[in-house]
Amino acid sequence: MNPEAVVSPVLLALTGLLGLGALVCWIIEVVTAFKKEEKPLMGILSIVLCSLGGFVIGWIHAKKWGITKLMVGWTILAILVGVLYGVLIASASAAVGDEMRRQSMEIQSIEIPELEAPAP
């Protein structure tokens, strides 16, 4: 099976870059949470709850912290990454299915010699 036929390298690279952008948005949100709050609880929760927790906390405090544009950008990146991962999984699944059908056809085309029973 040709790996290039399974997943487009350009699509994979684009998904990776968009994911990197989402990571940068999360880091900015965590830094903002530590800077804008009197107590570091929101920053700590943003780290402990990983990206999803930071995403929710960021949206809850977006206006208060002045990061509405960042959160909109992060949301768009998250949606694009999710869609592209879906496309990548679908294309890889289709390629694996095609390969399994091809191998099944090869196995079915193999002739198995008939064995004679040993004489008693």
Protein backbone atom coordinates (compact mmCIF):
# COMPACT_ATOMS: atom_id res chain seq x y z
CA MET A 1 0.00 0.00 0.00
CA ASN A 2 1.41 3.36 -1.04
CA PRO A 3 1.42 5.80 1.94
CA GLU A 4 0.95 8.76 -0.43
CA ALA A 5 -2.28 7.19 -1.65
CA VAL A 6 -3.58 6.88 1.90
CA VAL A 7 -3.10 10.41 3.24
CA SER A 8 -2.28 13.58 1.38
CA PRO A 9 0.95 15.00 2.85
CA VAL A 10 -0.28 18.53 2.15
CA LEU A 11 -3.53 17.90 4.02
CA LEU A 12 -1.62 16.33 6.89
CA ALA A 13 0.79 19.29 7.06
CA LEU A 14 -2.07 21.79 6.93
CA THR A 15 -3.85 19.99 9.77
CA GLY A 16 -0.65 20.00 11.80
CA LEU A 17 -0.09 23.72 11.24
CA LEU A 18 -3.67 24.56 12.20
CA GLY A 19 -3.29 22.39 15.30
CA LEU A 20 -0.10 24.28 16.16
CA GLY A 21 -2.05 27.53 15.81
CA ALA A 22 -4.67 26.19 18.24
CA LEU A 23 -1.88 25.28 20.68
CA VAL A 24 -0.53 28.84 20.48
CA CYS A 25 -4.04 30.19 21.20
CA TRP A 26 -4.25 27.96 24.28
CA ILE A 27 -0.86 29.17 25.54
CA ILE A 28 -1.92 32.80 25.07
CA GLU A 29 -5.16 32.09 26.95
CA VAL A 30 -3.25 30.50 29.85
CA VAL A 31 -0.84 33.45 30.06
CA THR A 32 -3.78 35.88 29.94
CA ALA A 33 -5.57 33.93 32.69
CA PHE A 34 -2.56 34.31 34.97
CA LYS A 35 -2.12 38.01 34.15
CA LYS A 36 -5.75 39.17 34.37
CA GLU A 37 -6.88 37.36 37.52
CA GLU A 38 -5.92 38.37 41.06
CA LYS A 39 -5.63 34.72 42.03
CA PRO A 40 -3.97 32.18 39.73
CA LEU A 41 -6.88 29.71 39.93
CA MET A 42 -8.13 30.26 36.35
CA GLY A 43 -4.61 29.88 34.95
CA ILE A 44 -4.03 26.71 36.93
CA LEU A 45 -7.39 25.30 35.86
CA SER A 46 -6.62 26.19 32.23
CA ILE A 47 -3.45 24.11 32.46
CA VAL A 48 -4.81 21.21 34.54
CA LEU A 49 -7.95 20.85 32.42
CA CYS A 50 -5.80 20.97 29.29
CA SER A 51 -6.87 22.69 26.13
CA LEU A 52 -10.60 21.99 26.41
CA GLY A 53 -10.78 23.43 29.92
CA GLY A 54 -8.78 26.46 28.81
CA PHE A 55 -11.14 26.86 25.87
CA VAL A 56 -14.22 26.92 28.11
CA ILE A 57 -12.59 29.20 30.70
CA GLY A 58 -11.40 31.51 27.91
CA TRP A 59 -14.89 31.86 26.48
CA ILE A 60 -16.39 32.45 29.94
CA HIS A 61 -13.94 35.30 30.60
CA ALA A 62 -13.38 36.50 26.99
CA LYS A 63 -14.93 39.96 27.39
CA LYS A 64 -13.52 40.51 30.88
CA TRP A 65 -9.99 39.63 29.74
CA GLY A 66 -10.31 41.25 26.30
CA ILE A 67 -9.55 38.08 24.35
CA THR A 68 -12.73 37.78 22.28
CA LYS A 69 -10.83 37.88 18.95
CA LEU A 70 -8.39 35.26 20.22
CA MET A 71 -11.26 32.99 21.25
CA VAL A 72 -13.02 33.41 17.89
CA GLY A 73 -9.77 32.54 16.12
CA TRP A 74 -9.21 29.55 18.40
CA THR A 75 -12.77 28.36 17.76
CA ILE A 76 -12.29 28.59 13.98
CA LEU A 77 -8.97 26.74 14.21
CA ALA A 78 -10.54 24.01 16.37
CA ILE A 79 -13.40 23.52 13.91
CA LEU A 80 -11.03 23.39 10.92
CA VAL A 81 -8.73 20.91 12.66
CA GLY A 82 -11.70 18.71 13.56
CA VAL A 83 -13.02 18.74 10.00
CA LEU A 84 -9.60 18.04 8.50
CA TYR A 85 -8.97 15.18 10.93
CA GLY A 86 -12.32 13.75 9.85
CA VAL A 87 -11.27 13.98 6.20
CA LEU A 88 -7.91 12.36 6.99
CA ILE A 89 -9.54 9.50 8.88
CA ALA A 90 -12.09 8.96 6.11
CA SER A 91 -9.42 8.87 3.40
CA ALA A 92 -7.22 6.52 5.42
CA SER A 93 -10.19 4.26 6.17
CA ALA A 94 -11.15 4.13 2.50
CA ALA A 95 -7.58 3.25 1.53
CA VAL A 96 -7.38 0.52 4.16
CA GLY A 97 -10.71 -0.90 2.97
CA ASP A 98 -9.48 -0.93 -0.63
CA GLU A 99 -6.28 -2.67 0.42
CA MET A 100 -8.20 -5.29 2.39
CA ARG A 101 -10.45 -5.99 -0.61
CA ARG A 102 -7.39 -6.29 -2.87
CA GLN A 103 -5.71 -8.74 -0.49
CA SER A 104 -8.93 -10.73 -0.17
CA MET A 105 -9.12 -11.03 -3.96
CA GLU A 106 -5.50 -12.20 -4.06
CA ILE A 107 -6.18 -14.83 -1.42
CA GLN A 108 -9.28 -16.05 -3.26
CA SER A 109 -7.32 -16.38 -6.50
CA ILE A 110 -4.72 -18.69 -4.95
CA GLU A 111 -5.30 -22.26 -5.99
CA ILE A 112 -5.05 -24.75 -3.18
CA PRO A 113 -3.97 -28.21 -4.30
CA GLU A 114 -6.23 -31.02 -3.27
CA LEU A 115 -4.64 -33.49 -0.93
CA GLU A 116 -5.28 -37.17 -1.26
CA ALA A 117 -6.12 -39.11 1.84
CA PRO A 118 -3.42 -41.60 2.83
CA ALA A 119 -4.14 -45.21 2.02
CA PRO A 120 -5.11 -47.35 5.01
